[in-house]
Amino acid sequence: MAQELEIEFKNILTEVEYNNLLKAFSITEEKMAIQENFYFDTPTFSLKEIGSALRIREKKGSYTLTLKQPVERGLLETHQLLTDQEAKCMLSGGDIVEGEISSTIRRLSIDPLQITYFGSLKTKRAEFDYKDGLLVLDASYYLNYVDYEVEYEVTDEKSGQANFLGLLQEYQIPVRNTDNKIRRFYNRKKQILLGENTDEN
């Protein structure tokens, strides 16, 4: 089990803006990696309602269970490595693997037995050093939809924000209110469950 504090800035992009940034930083297909996130919550979105989220990430054949919780600055991420068998059990409707994450969920007054698998989001990702942080360009595919975003992961919030806003200004990208991937996925899922128009995110 490991924990880390995540401070990041993000902005949704149009497809044109995304492709312009790939070109500006000389990112080719060979420099991009594929990762897949599998999302979980209760049927009433109990984790989402308190700003938390639970996922399994598959990357290069390994699986990590991550619980994200809001803190004063950024998000606190708790990670727990899973075996292939544990991950596949959860994805096929099994219970959450026992450990620090299931214990934390109980402390949030949520029954881990109510947690269910909602679906997956596949991301084509390019990441590289930019000034004092890590710049990430993502194309994400989920629930018959695709979106594009730029993320900037930093350790210092003030300088990171200045660098990120400077990047957006340099490439004439408007600042857009941007939810994280899990929230965008859940919003899309709720639209589908409610039978709403899903042409837009």
N, C-alpha and C. Protein backbone atom coordinates (compact mmCIF):
# COMPACT_ATOMS: atom_id res chain seq x y z
N MET A 1 0.86 -1.19 0.00
CA MET A 1 0.00 0.00 0.00
C MET A 1 0.89 1.24 0.00
N ALA A 2 0.55 2.20 -0.85
CA ALA A 2 1.31 3.45 -0.93
C ALA A 2 0.34 4.60 -1.06
N GLN A 3 0.79 5.78 -0.60
CA GLN A 3 -0.03 6.98 -0.73
C GLN A 3 0.78 8.10 -1.35
N GLU A 4 0.11 8.97 -2.10
CA GLU A 4 0.77 10.14 -2.66
C GLU A 4 -0.24 11.27 -2.79
N LEU A 5 0.28 12.49 -2.69
CA LEU A 5 -0.55 13.68 -2.86
C LEU A 5 -0.43 14.12 -4.30
N GLU A 6 -1.57 14.22 -4.97
CA GLU A 6 -1.59 14.58 -6.38
C GLU A 6 -2.02 16.03 -6.53
N ILE A 7 -1.14 16.86 -7.11
CA ILE A 7 -1.50 18.24 -7.46
C ILE A 7 -1.38 18.34 -8.97
N GLU A 8 -2.50 18.58 -9.61
CA GLU A 8 -2.45 18.66 -11.07
C GLU A 8 -3.46 19.68 -11.57
N PHE A 9 -3.15 20.20 -12.74
CA PHE A 9 -4.03 21.12 -13.44
C PHE A 9 -4.44 20.43 -14.74
N LYS A 10 -5.67 20.66 -15.15
CA LYS A 10 -6.14 19.98 -16.36
C LYS A 10 -7.07 20.88 -17.14
N ASN A 11 -7.13 20.61 -18.44
CA ASN A 11 -7.98 21.41 -19.31
C ASN A 11 -8.45 20.53 -20.47
N ILE A 12 -9.75 20.49 -20.66
CA ILE A 12 -10.30 19.77 -21.82
C ILE A 12 -9.85 20.47 -23.10
N LEU A 13 -9.55 19.68 -24.12
CA LEU A 13 -9.12 20.20 -25.41
C LEU A 13 -10.08 19.79 -26.51
N THR A 14 -10.12 20.59 -27.56
CA THR A 14 -10.76 20.12 -28.78
C THR A 14 -9.80 19.17 -29.48
N GLU A 15 -10.27 18.43 -30.44
CA GLU A 15 -9.39 17.52 -31.17
C GLU A 15 -8.29 18.29 -31.90
N VAL A 16 -8.65 19.46 -32.41
CA VAL A 16 -7.66 20.29 -33.12
C VAL A 16 -6.57 20.76 -32.15
N GLU A 17 -6.97 21.25 -30.98
CA GLU A 17 -6.00 21.72 -29.97
C GLU A 17 -5.09 20.57 -29.53
N TYR A 18 -5.67 19.41 -29.33
CA TYR A 18 -4.90 18.23 -28.94
C TYR A 18 -3.85 17.89 -29.99
N ASN A 19 -4.26 17.85 -31.24
CA ASN A 19 -3.32 17.52 -32.31
C ASN A 19 -2.25 18.59 -32.47
N ASN A 20 -2.61 19.86 -32.23
CA ASN A 20 -1.63 20.94 -32.31
C ASN A 20 -0.55 20.78 -31.23
N LEU A 21 -0.95 20.38 -30.03
CA LEU A 21 0.03 20.17 -28.96
C LEU A 21 0.91 18.96 -29.24
N LEU A 22 0.33 17.90 -29.78
CA LEU A 22 1.15 16.74 -30.16
C LEU A 22 2.23 17.16 -31.15
N LYS A 23 1.83 17.96 -32.11
CA LYS A 23 2.77 18.42 -33.13
C LYS A 23 3.81 19.36 -32.53
N ALA A 24 3.37 20.28 -31.66
CA ALA A 24 4.28 21.26 -31.07
C ALA A 24 5.38 20.59 -30.25
N PHE A 25 5.05 19.48 -29.58
CA PHE A 25 6.03 18.79 -28.75
C PHE A 25 6.61 17.54 -29.42
N SER A 26 6.37 17.43 -30.73
CA SER A 26 6.95 16.33 -31.53
C SER A 26 6.60 14.95 -30.96
N ILE A 27 5.33 14.78 -30.60
CA ILE A 27 4.88 13.50 -30.06
C ILE A 27 4.33 12.63 -31.19
N THR A 28 4.94 11.48 -31.37
CA THR A 28 4.49 10.52 -32.38
C THR A 28 3.79 9.34 -31.68
N GLU A 29 3.14 8.50 -32.49
CA GLU A 29 2.43 7.34 -31.94
C GLU A 29 3.37 6.46 -31.11
N GLU A 30 4.63 6.37 -31.54
CA GLU A 30 5.59 5.51 -30.85
C GLU A 30 5.87 5.99 -29.42
N LYS A 31 5.62 7.28 -29.16
CA LYS A 31 5.89 7.84 -27.84
C LYS A 31 4.67 7.79 -26.92
N MET A 32 3.59 7.16 -27.39
CA MET A 32 2.36 7.13 -26.61
C MET A 32 2.12 5.73 -26.05
N ALA A 33 1.51 5.68 -24.88
CA ALA A 33 1.22 4.40 -24.23
C ALA A 33 -0.29 4.28 -24.00
N ILE A 34 -0.74 3.04 -23.95
CA ILE A 34 -2.16 2.77 -23.69
C ILE A 34 -2.32 2.28 -22.25
N GLN A 35 -3.26 2.87 -21.54
CA GLN A 35 -3.61 2.38 -20.21
C GLN A 35 -5.13 2.32 -20.11
N GLU A 36 -5.62 1.45 -19.26
CA GLU A 36 -7.07 1.31 -19.11
C GLU A 36 -7.45 1.40 -17.64
N ASN A 37 -8.46 2.21 -17.36
CA ASN A 37 -8.99 2.38 -16.01
C ASN A 37 -10.35 1.70 -15.93
N PHE A 38 -10.59 0.98 -14.83
CA PHE A 38 -11.87 0.32 -14.58
C PHE A 38 -12.46 0.95 -13.33
N TYR A 39 -13.67 1.51 -13.45
CA TYR A 39 -14.24 2.32 -12.39
C TYR A 39 -15.31 1.58 -11.58
N PHE A 40 -15.35 1.93 -10.28
CA PHE A 40 -16.26 1.29 -9.34
C PHE A 40 -16.96 2.35 -8.47
N ASP A 41 -18.19 2.06 -8.11
CA ASP A 41 -18.92 2.88 -7.13
C ASP A 41 -20.13 2.08 -6.69
N THR A 42 -20.89 2.62 -5.76
CA THR A 42 -22.16 1.98 -5.40
C THR A 42 -23.21 2.37 -6.44
N PRO A 43 -24.33 1.66 -6.50
CA PRO A 43 -25.39 2.01 -7.46
C PRO A 43 -25.92 3.43 -7.28
N THR A 44 -25.74 4.01 -6.09
CA THR A 44 -26.21 5.38 -5.83
C THR A 44 -25.05 6.39 -5.87
N PHE A 45 -23.91 5.97 -6.40
CA PHE A 45 -22.76 6.86 -6.57
C PHE A 45 -22.28 7.45 -5.23
N SER A 46 -22.20 6.61 -4.20
CA SER A 46 -21.82 7.09 -2.86
C SER A 46 -20.43 7.70 -2.83
N LEU A 47 -19.46 7.10 -3.52
CA LEU A 47 -18.11 7.66 -3.54
C LEU A 47 -18.10 9.00 -4.27
N LYS A 48 -18.75 9.03 -5.41
CA LYS A 48 -18.78 10.27 -6.21
C LYS A 48 -19.40 11.40 -5.40
N GLU A 49 -20.42 11.11 -4.61
CA GLU A 49 -21.12 12.15 -3.85
C GLU A 49 -20.22 12.82 -2.82
N ILE A 50 -19.18 12.13 -2.37
CA ILE A 50 -18.27 12.74 -1.40
C ILE A 50 -16.94 13.12 -2.06
N GLY A 51 -16.94 13.17 -3.37
CA GLY A 51 -15.76 13.62 -4.10
C GLY A 51 -14.66 12.59 -4.21
N SER A 52 -14.96 11.34 -3.86
CA SER A 52 -13.97 10.27 -3.93
C SER A 52 -14.22 9.39 -5.15
N ALA A 53 -13.24 8.53 -5.43
CA ALA A 53 -13.38 7.66 -6.60
C ALA A 53 -12.50 6.43 -6.42
N LEU A 54 -12.94 5.34 -7.02
CA LEU A 54 -12.22 4.08 -6.93
C LEU A 54 -12.01 3.51 -8.32
N ARG A 55 -10.78 3.08 -8.59
CA ARG A 55 -10.50 2.52 -9.91
C ARG A 55 -9.46 1.41 -9.80
N ILE A 56 -9.45 0.55 -10.81
CA ILE A 56 -8.32 -0.33 -11.07
C ILE A 56 -7.68 0.19 -12.36
N ARG A 57 -6.36 0.36 -12.35
CA ARG A 57 -5.65 0.75 -13.57
C ARG A 57 -4.80 -0.41 -14.05
N GLU A 58 -4.97 -0.74 -15.32
CA GLU A 58 -4.13 -1.77 -15.94
C GLU A 58 -3.13 -1.07 -16.84
N LYS A 59 -1.86 -1.30 -16.59
CA LYS A 59 -0.80 -0.68 -17.36
C LYS A 59 0.34 -1.68 -17.50
N LYS A 60 0.66 -2.00 -18.74
CA LYS A 60 1.75 -2.94 -19.04
C LYS A 60 1.58 -4.26 -18.29
N GLY A 61 0.33 -4.71 -18.23
CA GLY A 61 0.07 -6.03 -17.65
C GLY A 61 -0.02 -6.09 -16.15
N SER A 62 0.12 -4.94 -15.45
CA SER A 62 0.00 -4.95 -13.99
C SER A 62 -1.24 -4.15 -13.58
N TYR A 63 -1.79 -4.50 -12.42
CA TYR A 63 -3.05 -3.90 -11.96
C TYR A 63 -2.84 -3.20 -10.62
N THR A 64 -3.37 -1.97 -10.52
CA THR A 64 -3.29 -1.20 -9.27
C THR A 64 -4.68 -0.69 -8.92
N LEU A 65 -5.10 -0.96 -7.69
CA LEU A 65 -6.35 -0.43 -7.16
C LEU A 65 -6.05 0.90 -6.49
N THR A 66 -6.78 1.94 -6.85
CA THR A 66 -6.52 3.28 -6.32
C THR A 66 -7.81 3.92 -5.82
N LEU A 67 -7.74 4.44 -4.61
CA LEU A 67 -8.82 5.25 -4.05
C LEU A 67 -8.36 6.69 -4.02
N LYS A 68 -9.15 7.59 -4.62
CA LYS A 68 -8.83 9.02 -4.60
C LYS A 68 -9.78 9.71 -3.63
N GLN A 69 -9.20 10.54 -2.76
CA GLN A 69 -10.00 11.30 -1.79
C GLN A 69 -9.58 12.76 -1.82
N PRO A 70 -10.54 13.68 -1.76
CA PRO A 70 -10.18 15.10 -1.75
C PRO A 70 -9.53 15.52 -0.45
N VAL A 71 -8.48 16.31 -0.54
CA VAL A 71 -7.85 16.92 0.63
C VAL A 71 -7.74 18.42 0.36
N GLU A 72 -7.19 19.15 1.30
CA GLU A 72 -7.18 20.62 1.18
C GLU A 72 -6.51 21.07 -0.11
N ARG A 73 -5.41 20.45 -0.46
CA ARG A 73 -4.73 20.80 -1.70
C ARG A 73 -4.54 19.55 -2.54
N GLY A 74 -5.35 19.39 -3.56
CA GLY A 74 -5.21 18.25 -4.46
C GLY A 74 -6.02 17.04 -4.00
N LEU A 75 -5.53 15.86 -4.39
CA LEU A 75 -6.18 14.61 -4.07
C LEU A 75 -5.19 13.68 -3.39
N LEU A 76 -5.68 12.96 -2.39
CA LEU A 76 -4.87 11.93 -1.76
C LEU A 76 -5.18 10.61 -2.45
N GLU A 77 -4.15 9.99 -3.00
CA GLU A 77 -4.32 8.71 -3.69
C GLU A 77 -3.73 7.59 -2.84
N THR A 78 -4.53 6.57 -2.58
CA THR A 78 -4.06 5.37 -1.89
C THR A 78 -4.01 4.24 -2.90
N HIS A 79 -2.84 3.63 -3.04
CA HIS A 79 -2.62 2.59 -4.05
C HIS A 79 -2.44 1.22 -3.41
N GLN A 80 -2.96 0.21 -4.06
CA GLN A 80 -2.81 -1.17 -3.60
C GLN A 80 -2.61 -2.06 -4.83
N LEU A 81 -1.47 -2.72 -4.91
CA LEU A 81 -1.19 -3.61 -6.04
C LEU A 81 -2.08 -4.84 -5.96
N LEU A 82 -2.57 -5.28 -7.13
CA LEU A 82 -3.42 -6.46 -7.19
C LEU A 82 -2.76 -7.53 -8.05
N THR A 83 -3.03 -8.77 -7.74
CA THR A 83 -2.63 -9.84 -8.65
C THR A 83 -3.62 -9.87 -9.81
N ASP A 84 -3.25 -10.56 -10.87
CA ASP A 84 -4.16 -10.71 -12.01
C ASP A 84 -5.47 -11.33 -11.55
N GLN A 85 -5.37 -12.34 -10.70
CA GLN A 85 -6.57 -13.03 -10.23
C GLN A 85 -7.46 -12.11 -9.41
N GLU A 86 -6.88 -11.29 -8.53
CA GLU A 86 -7.66 -10.36 -7.71
C GLU A 86 -8.38 -9.33 -8.59
N ALA A 87 -7.65 -8.78 -9.57
CA ALA A 87 -8.24 -7.78 -10.46
C ALA A 87 -9.39 -8.38 -11.27
N LYS A 88 -9.16 -9.56 -11.82
CA LYS A 88 -10.20 -10.19 -12.65
C LYS A 88 -11.42 -10.58 -11.82
N CYS A 89 -11.19 -10.94 -10.57
CA CYS A 89 -12.31 -11.25 -9.68
C CYS A 89 -13.17 -10.01 -9.45
N MET A 90 -12.54 -8.87 -9.16
CA MET A 90 -13.30 -7.64 -8.96
C MET A 90 -14.04 -7.22 -10.23
N LEU A 91 -13.39 -7.39 -11.37
CA LEU A 91 -14.00 -6.98 -12.63
C LEU A 91 -15.16 -7.88 -13.06
N SER A 92 -15.20 -9.08 -12.48
CA SER A 92 -16.29 -9.99 -12.82
C SER A 92 -17.38 -10.00 -11.76
N GLY A 93 -17.34 -8.98 -10.87
CA GLY A 93 -18.41 -8.83 -9.89
C GLY A 93 -18.06 -9.27 -8.49
N GLY A 94 -16.81 -9.63 -8.27
CA GLY A 94 -16.39 -10.05 -6.93
C GLY A 94 -16.23 -8.86 -5.99
N ASP A 95 -16.03 -9.17 -4.72
CA ASP A 95 -15.87 -8.13 -3.70
C ASP A 95 -14.52 -7.43 -3.84
N ILE A 96 -14.43 -6.22 -3.25
CA ILE A 96 -13.15 -5.52 -3.18
C ILE A 96 -12.15 -6.36 -2.38
N VAL A 97 -10.94 -6.40 -2.86
CA VAL A 97 -9.89 -7.10 -2.15
C VAL A 97 -9.68 -6.43 -0.79
N GLU A 98 -9.58 -7.25 0.25
CA GLU A 98 -9.37 -6.70 1.58
C GLU A 98 -8.01 -6.00 1.69
N GLY A 99 -7.98 -4.93 2.46
CA GLY A 99 -6.75 -4.18 2.62
C GLY A 99 -7.04 -2.76 3.08
N GLU A 100 -6.06 -1.88 2.95
CA GLU A 100 -6.19 -0.50 3.42
C GLU A 100 -7.34 0.23 2.71
N ILE A 101 -7.52 -0.06 1.42
CA ILE A 101 -8.55 0.67 0.67
C ILE A 101 -9.95 0.26 1.14
N SER A 102 -10.21 -1.02 1.30
CA SER A 102 -11.53 -1.43 1.79
C SER A 102 -11.78 -0.90 3.20
N SER A 103 -10.73 -0.86 4.02
CA SER A 103 -10.86 -0.32 5.38
C SER A 103 -11.19 1.17 5.34
N THR A 104 -10.54 1.91 4.44
CA THR A 104 -10.81 3.34 4.31
C THR A 104 -12.24 3.59 3.85
N ILE A 105 -12.72 2.77 2.93
CA ILE A 105 -14.09 2.91 2.44
C ILE A 105 -15.08 2.70 3.59
N ARG A 106 -14.80 1.74 4.46
CA ARG A 106 -15.68 1.54 5.63
C ARG A 106 -15.67 2.77 6.53
N ARG A 107 -14.48 3.39 6.67
CA ARG A 107 -14.40 4.59 7.52
C ARG A 107 -15.17 5.76 6.91
N LEU A 108 -15.45 5.69 5.62
CA LEU A 108 -16.26 6.71 4.95
C LEU A 108 -17.75 6.41 5.08
N SER A 109 -18.08 5.39 5.89
CA SER A 109 -19.47 4.95 6.11
C SER A 109 -20.11 4.40 4.85
N ILE A 110 -19.29 3.75 4.02
CA ILE A 110 -19.77 3.09 2.81
C ILE A 110 -19.44 1.61 2.94
N ASP A 111 -20.41 0.77 2.64
CA ASP A 111 -20.22 -0.68 2.72
C ASP A 111 -19.48 -1.16 1.46
N PRO A 112 -18.26 -1.69 1.60
CA PRO A 112 -17.53 -2.16 0.42
C PRO A 112 -18.30 -3.21 -0.39
N LEU A 113 -19.19 -3.95 0.27
CA LEU A 113 -19.97 -4.97 -0.44
C LEU A 113 -20.95 -4.36 -1.43
N GLN A 114 -21.23 -3.04 -1.28
CA GLN A 114 -22.14 -2.35 -2.20
C GLN A 114 -21.42 -1.83 -3.44
N ILE A 115 -20.09 -1.88 -3.41
CA ILE A 115 -19.32 -1.36 -4.55
C ILE A 115 -19.47 -2.30 -5.73
N THR A 116 -19.70 -1.72 -6.91
CA THR A 116 -19.89 -2.53 -8.12
C THR A 116 -19.09 -1.94 -9.28
N TYR A 117 -18.78 -2.77 -10.24
CA TYR A 117 -18.01 -2.35 -11.42
C TYR A 117 -18.92 -1.61 -12.40
N PHE A 118 -18.48 -0.42 -12.85
CA PHE A 118 -19.30 0.42 -13.72
C PHE A 118 -18.89 0.38 -15.18
N GLY A 119 -17.62 0.18 -15.45
CA GLY A 119 -17.17 0.20 -16.83
C GLY A 119 -15.73 0.68 -16.93
N SER A 120 -15.24 0.78 -18.16
CA SER A 120 -13.82 1.10 -18.34
C SER A 120 -13.62 2.33 -19.22
N LEU A 121 -12.46 2.93 -19.06
CA LEU A 121 -12.03 4.07 -19.85
C LEU A 121 -10.60 3.79 -20.32
N LYS A 122 -10.40 3.80 -21.62
CA LYS A 122 -9.08 3.53 -22.18
C LYS A 122 -8.45 4.85 -22.62
N THR A 123 -7.20 5.05 -22.25
CA THR A 123 -6.51 6.30 -22.54
C THR A 123 -5.25 6.05 -23.36
N LYS A 124 -5.10 6.83 -24.42
CA LYS A 124 -3.85 6.89 -25.18
C LYS A 124 -3.10 8.09 -24.66
N ARG A 125 -1.95 7.85 -24.02
CA ARG A 125 -1.28 8.89 -23.23
C ARG A 125 0.14 9.17 -23.70
N ALA A 126 0.46 10.46 -23.76
CA ALA A 126 1.84 10.91 -23.95
C ALA A 126 2.21 11.75 -22.74
N GLU A 127 3.36 11.48 -22.13
CA GLU A 127 3.79 12.27 -20.98
C GLU A 127 5.27 12.58 -21.09
N PHE A 128 5.62 13.81 -20.66
CA PHE A 128 7.00 14.26 -20.80
C PHE A 128 7.24 15.42 -19.84
N ASP A 129 8.50 15.64 -19.50
CA ASP A 129 8.86 16.73 -18.59
C ASP A 129 8.60 18.07 -19.25
N TYR A 130 8.03 19.00 -18.47
CA TYR A 130 7.78 20.35 -18.96
C TYR A 130 8.02 21.31 -17.80
N LYS A 131 9.05 22.13 -17.94
CA LYS A 131 9.43 23.06 -16.87
C LYS A 131 9.62 22.27 -15.57
N ASP A 132 8.87 22.58 -14.52
CA ASP A 132 9.09 21.89 -13.24
C ASP A 132 8.05 20.81 -12.95
N GLY A 133 7.43 20.28 -14.00
CA GLY A 133 6.40 19.27 -13.79
C GLY A 133 6.35 18.26 -14.91
N LEU A 134 5.28 17.48 -14.93
CA LEU A 134 5.06 16.47 -15.96
C LEU A 134 3.83 16.87 -16.77
N LEU A 135 4.01 17.03 -18.07
CA LEU A 135 2.90 17.39 -18.95
C LEU A 135 2.35 16.12 -19.58
N VAL A 136 1.03 16.00 -19.60
CA VAL A 136 0.38 14.79 -20.08
C VAL A 136 -0.68 15.17 -21.11
N LEU A 137 -0.65 14.50 -22.24
CA LEU A 137 -1.66 14.67 -23.28
C LEU A 137 -2.42 13.36 -23.41
N ASP A 138 -3.74 13.42 -23.23
CA ASP A 138 -4.56 12.22 -23.22
C ASP A 138 -5.69 12.28 -24.25
N ALA A 139 -5.91 11.15 -24.90
CA ALA A 139 -7.15 10.92 -25.65
C ALA A 139 -7.83 9.76 -24.93
N SER A 140 -9.04 9.98 -24.43
CA SER A 140 -9.72 8.98 -23.62
C SER A 140 -10.98 8.47 -24.31
N TYR A 141 -11.16 7.16 -24.30
CA TYR A 141 -12.26 6.50 -25.00
C TYR A 141 -13.12 5.76 -23.98
N TYR A 142 -14.40 6.11 -23.91
CA TYR A 142 -15.28 5.48 -22.92
C TYR A 142 -16.73 5.65 -23.31
N LEU A 143 -17.51 4.59 -23.11
CA LEU A 143 -18.97 4.62 -23.30
C LEU A 143 -19.35 5.26 -24.64
N ASN A 144 -18.69 4.79 -25.71
CA ASN A 144 -18.94 5.28 -27.08
C ASN A 144 -18.68 6.77 -27.22
N TYR A 145 -17.65 7.25 -26.57
CA TYR A 145 -17.32 8.68 -26.59
C TYR A 145 -15.81 8.83 -26.53
N VAL A 146 -15.30 9.96 -27.00
CA VAL A 146 -13.88 10.26 -26.90
C VAL A 146 -13.72 11.71 -26.48
N ASP A 147 -12.78 11.98 -25.57
CA ASP A 147 -12.44 13.36 -25.26
C ASP A 147 -10.93 13.51 -25.17
N TYR A 148 -10.48 14.76 -25.16
CA TYR A 148 -9.05 15.08 -25.18
C TYR A 148 -8.76 16.06 -24.05
N GLU A 149 -7.58 15.91 -23.44
CA GLU A 149 -7.23 16.84 -22.37
C GLU A 149 -5.73 16.95 -22.23
N VAL A 150 -5.33 18.05 -21.60
CA VAL A 150 -3.94 18.24 -21.19
C VAL A 150 -3.93 18.31 -19.67
N GLU A 151 -2.97 17.61 -19.05
CA GLU A 151 -2.80 17.63 -17.60
C GLU A 151 -1.38 18.07 -17.30
N TYR A 152 -1.21 18.71 -16.14
CA TYR A 152 0.11 19.14 -15.70
C TYR A 152 0.25 18.75 -14.24
N GLU A 153 1.12 17.79 -13.96
CA GLU A 153 1.32 17.27 -12.62
C GLU A 153 2.55 17.94 -12.00
N VAL A 154 2.35 18.51 -10.80
CA VAL A 154 3.41 19.32 -10.17
C VAL A 154 3.50 19.01 -8.68
N THR A 155 4.56 19.50 -8.07
CA THR A 155 4.72 19.41 -6.62
C THR A 155 4.48 20.76 -5.95
N ASP A 156 4.64 21.86 -6.71
CA ASP A 156 4.40 23.20 -6.19
C ASP A 156 3.20 23.80 -6.90
N GLU A 157 2.14 24.07 -6.14
CA GLU A 157 0.89 24.51 -6.73
C GLU A 157 1.01 25.87 -7.41
N LYS A 158 1.67 26.83 -6.77
CA LYS A 158 1.71 28.20 -7.29
C LYS A 158 2.48 28.28 -8.61
N SER A 159 3.70 27.77 -8.63
CA SER A 159 4.49 27.84 -9.87
C SER A 159 3.88 26.94 -10.94
N GLY A 160 3.30 25.81 -10.52
CA GLY A 160 2.67 24.92 -11.48
C GLY A 160 1.50 25.57 -12.19
N GLN A 161 0.69 26.30 -11.44
CA GLN A 161 -0.45 26.98 -12.06
C GLN A 161 0.02 28.04 -13.04
N ALA A 162 1.05 28.78 -12.67
CA ALA A 162 1.58 29.81 -13.57
C ALA A 162 2.11 29.19 -14.86
N ASN A 163 2.85 28.10 -14.75
CA ASN A 163 3.37 27.42 -15.94
C ASN A 163 2.26 26.89 -16.82
N PHE A 164 1.23 26.33 -16.18
CA PHE A 164 0.13 25.74 -16.94
C PHE A 164 -0.68 26.81 -17.68
N LEU A 165 -1.00 27.90 -16.98
CA LEU A 165 -1.74 28.98 -17.63
C LEU A 165 -0.93 29.61 -18.76
N GLY A 166 0.39 29.67 -18.56
CA GLY A 166 1.26 30.19 -19.60
C GLY A 166 1.24 29.31 -20.84
N LEU A 167 1.21 28.00 -20.63
CA LEU A 167 1.13 27.06 -21.75
C LEU A 167 -0.17 27.26 -22.54
N LEU A 168 -1.29 27.34 -21.82
CA LEU A 168 -2.58 27.52 -22.49
C LEU A 168 -2.59 28.82 -23.28
N GLN A 169 -2.05 29.87 -22.69
CA GLN A 169 -2.02 31.17 -23.37
C GLN A 169 -1.15 31.11 -24.62
N GLU A 170 0.01 30.45 -24.50
CA GLU A 170 0.94 30.36 -25.63
C GLU A 170 0.29 29.68 -26.84
N TYR A 171 -0.53 28.66 -26.58
CA TYR A 171 -1.15 27.92 -27.69
C TYR A 171 -2.60 28.32 -27.91
N GLN A 172 -3.00 29.45 -27.33
CA GLN A 172 -4.33 30.04 -27.54
C GLN A 172 -5.45 29.05 -27.24
N ILE A 173 -5.32 28.38 -26.10
CA ILE A 173 -6.33 27.43 -25.65
C ILE A 173 -7.12 28.06 -24.50
N PRO A 174 -8.43 28.20 -24.64
CA PRO A 174 -9.23 28.79 -23.56
C PRO A 174 -9.19 27.93 -22.30
N VAL A 175 -9.21 28.58 -21.13
CA VAL A 175 -9.32 27.84 -19.87
C VAL A 175 -10.75 27.31 -19.76
N ARG A 176 -10.88 26.01 -19.54
CA ARG A 176 -12.20 25.39 -19.44
C ARG A 176 -12.32 24.66 -18.11
N ASN A 177 -13.48 24.77 -17.48
CA ASN A 177 -13.74 24.02 -16.26
C ASN A 177 -13.72 22.54 -16.61
N THR A 178 -12.81 21.77 -16.00
CA THR A 178 -12.58 20.40 -16.41
C THR A 178 -12.66 19.44 -15.23
N ASP A 179 -13.62 18.53 -15.27
CA ASP A 179 -13.70 17.47 -14.27
C ASP A 179 -12.61 16.44 -14.53
N ASN A 180 -12.29 15.65 -13.50
CA ASN A 180 -11.34 14.57 -13.73
C ASN A 180 -12.00 13.44 -14.53
N LYS A 181 -11.20 12.49 -14.97
CA LYS A 181 -11.70 11.43 -15.84
C LYS A 181 -12.82 10.64 -15.20
N ILE A 182 -12.65 10.33 -13.92
CA ILE A 182 -13.66 9.52 -13.24
C ILE A 182 -15.00 10.24 -13.22
N ARG A 183 -14.98 11.54 -12.92
CA ARG A 183 -16.24 12.29 -12.88
C ARG A 183 -16.85 12.40 -14.28
N ARG A 184 -16.01 12.60 -15.29
CA ARG A 184 -16.54 12.66 -16.67
C ARG A 184 -17.16 11.32 -17.06
N PHE A 185 -16.49 10.24 -16.66
CA PHE A 185 -17.02 8.91 -16.93
C PHE A 185 -18.37 8.73 -16.25
N TYR A 186 -18.46 9.09 -14.95
CA TYR A 186 -19.70 8.91 -14.21
C TYR A 186 -20.82 9.79 -14.75
N ASN A 187 -20.49 11.02 -15.13
CA ASN A 187 -21.50 11.90 -15.71
C ASN A 187 -22.07 11.29 -16.99
N ARG A 188 -21.18 10.74 -17.79
CA ARG A 188 -21.60 10.08 -19.03
C ARG A 188 -22.48 8.86 -18.71
N LYS A 189 -22.04 8.09 -17.73
CA LYS A 189 -22.79 6.89 -17.32
C LYS A 189 -24.19 7.26 -16.85
N LYS A 190 -24.29 8.33 -16.04
CA LYS A 190 -25.59 8.75 -15.54
C LYS A 190 -26.49 9.22 -16.67
N GLN A 191 -25.89 9.93 -17.65
CA GLN A 191 -26.68 10.35 -18.81
C GLN A 191 -27.28 9.14 -19.51
N ILE A 192 -26.48 8.11 -19.69
CA ILE A 192 -26.94 6.90 -20.37
C ILE A 192 -28.03 6.20 -19.55
N LEU A 193 -27.81 6.08 -18.24
CA LEU A 193 -28.77 5.42 -17.38
C LEU A 193 -30.10 6.16 -17.36
N LEU A 194 -30.03 7.50 -17.45
CA LEU A 194 -31.25 8.31 -17.44
C LEU A 194 -31.85 8.49 -18.82
N GLY A 195 -31.17 7.95 -19.85
CA GLY A 195 -31.68 8.05 -21.21
C GLY A 195 -31.64 9.43 -21.79
N GLU A 196 -30.66 10.25 -21.29
CA GLU A 196 -30.54 11.62 -21.79
C GLU A 196 -29.78 11.63 -23.11
N ASN A 197 -29.83 12.78 -23.78
CA ASN A 197 -29.07 12.96 -25.01
C ASN A 197 -27.59 12.87 -24.68
N THR A 198 -26.87 11.93 -25.29
CA THR A 198 -25.46 11.73 -24.97
C THR A 198 -24.54 12.14 -26.10
N ASP A 199 -25.01 13.02 -26.96
CA ASP A 199 -24.13 13.51 -28.03
C ASP A 199 -23.05 14.41 -27.50
N GLU A 200 -23.28 15.00 -26.31
CA GLU A 200 -22.29 15.88 -25.71
C GLU A 200 -21.89 15.31 -24.36
N ASN A 201 -20.68 15.63 -23.95
CA ASN A 201 -20.19 15.14 -22.66
C ASN A 201 -20.80 15.94 -21.51
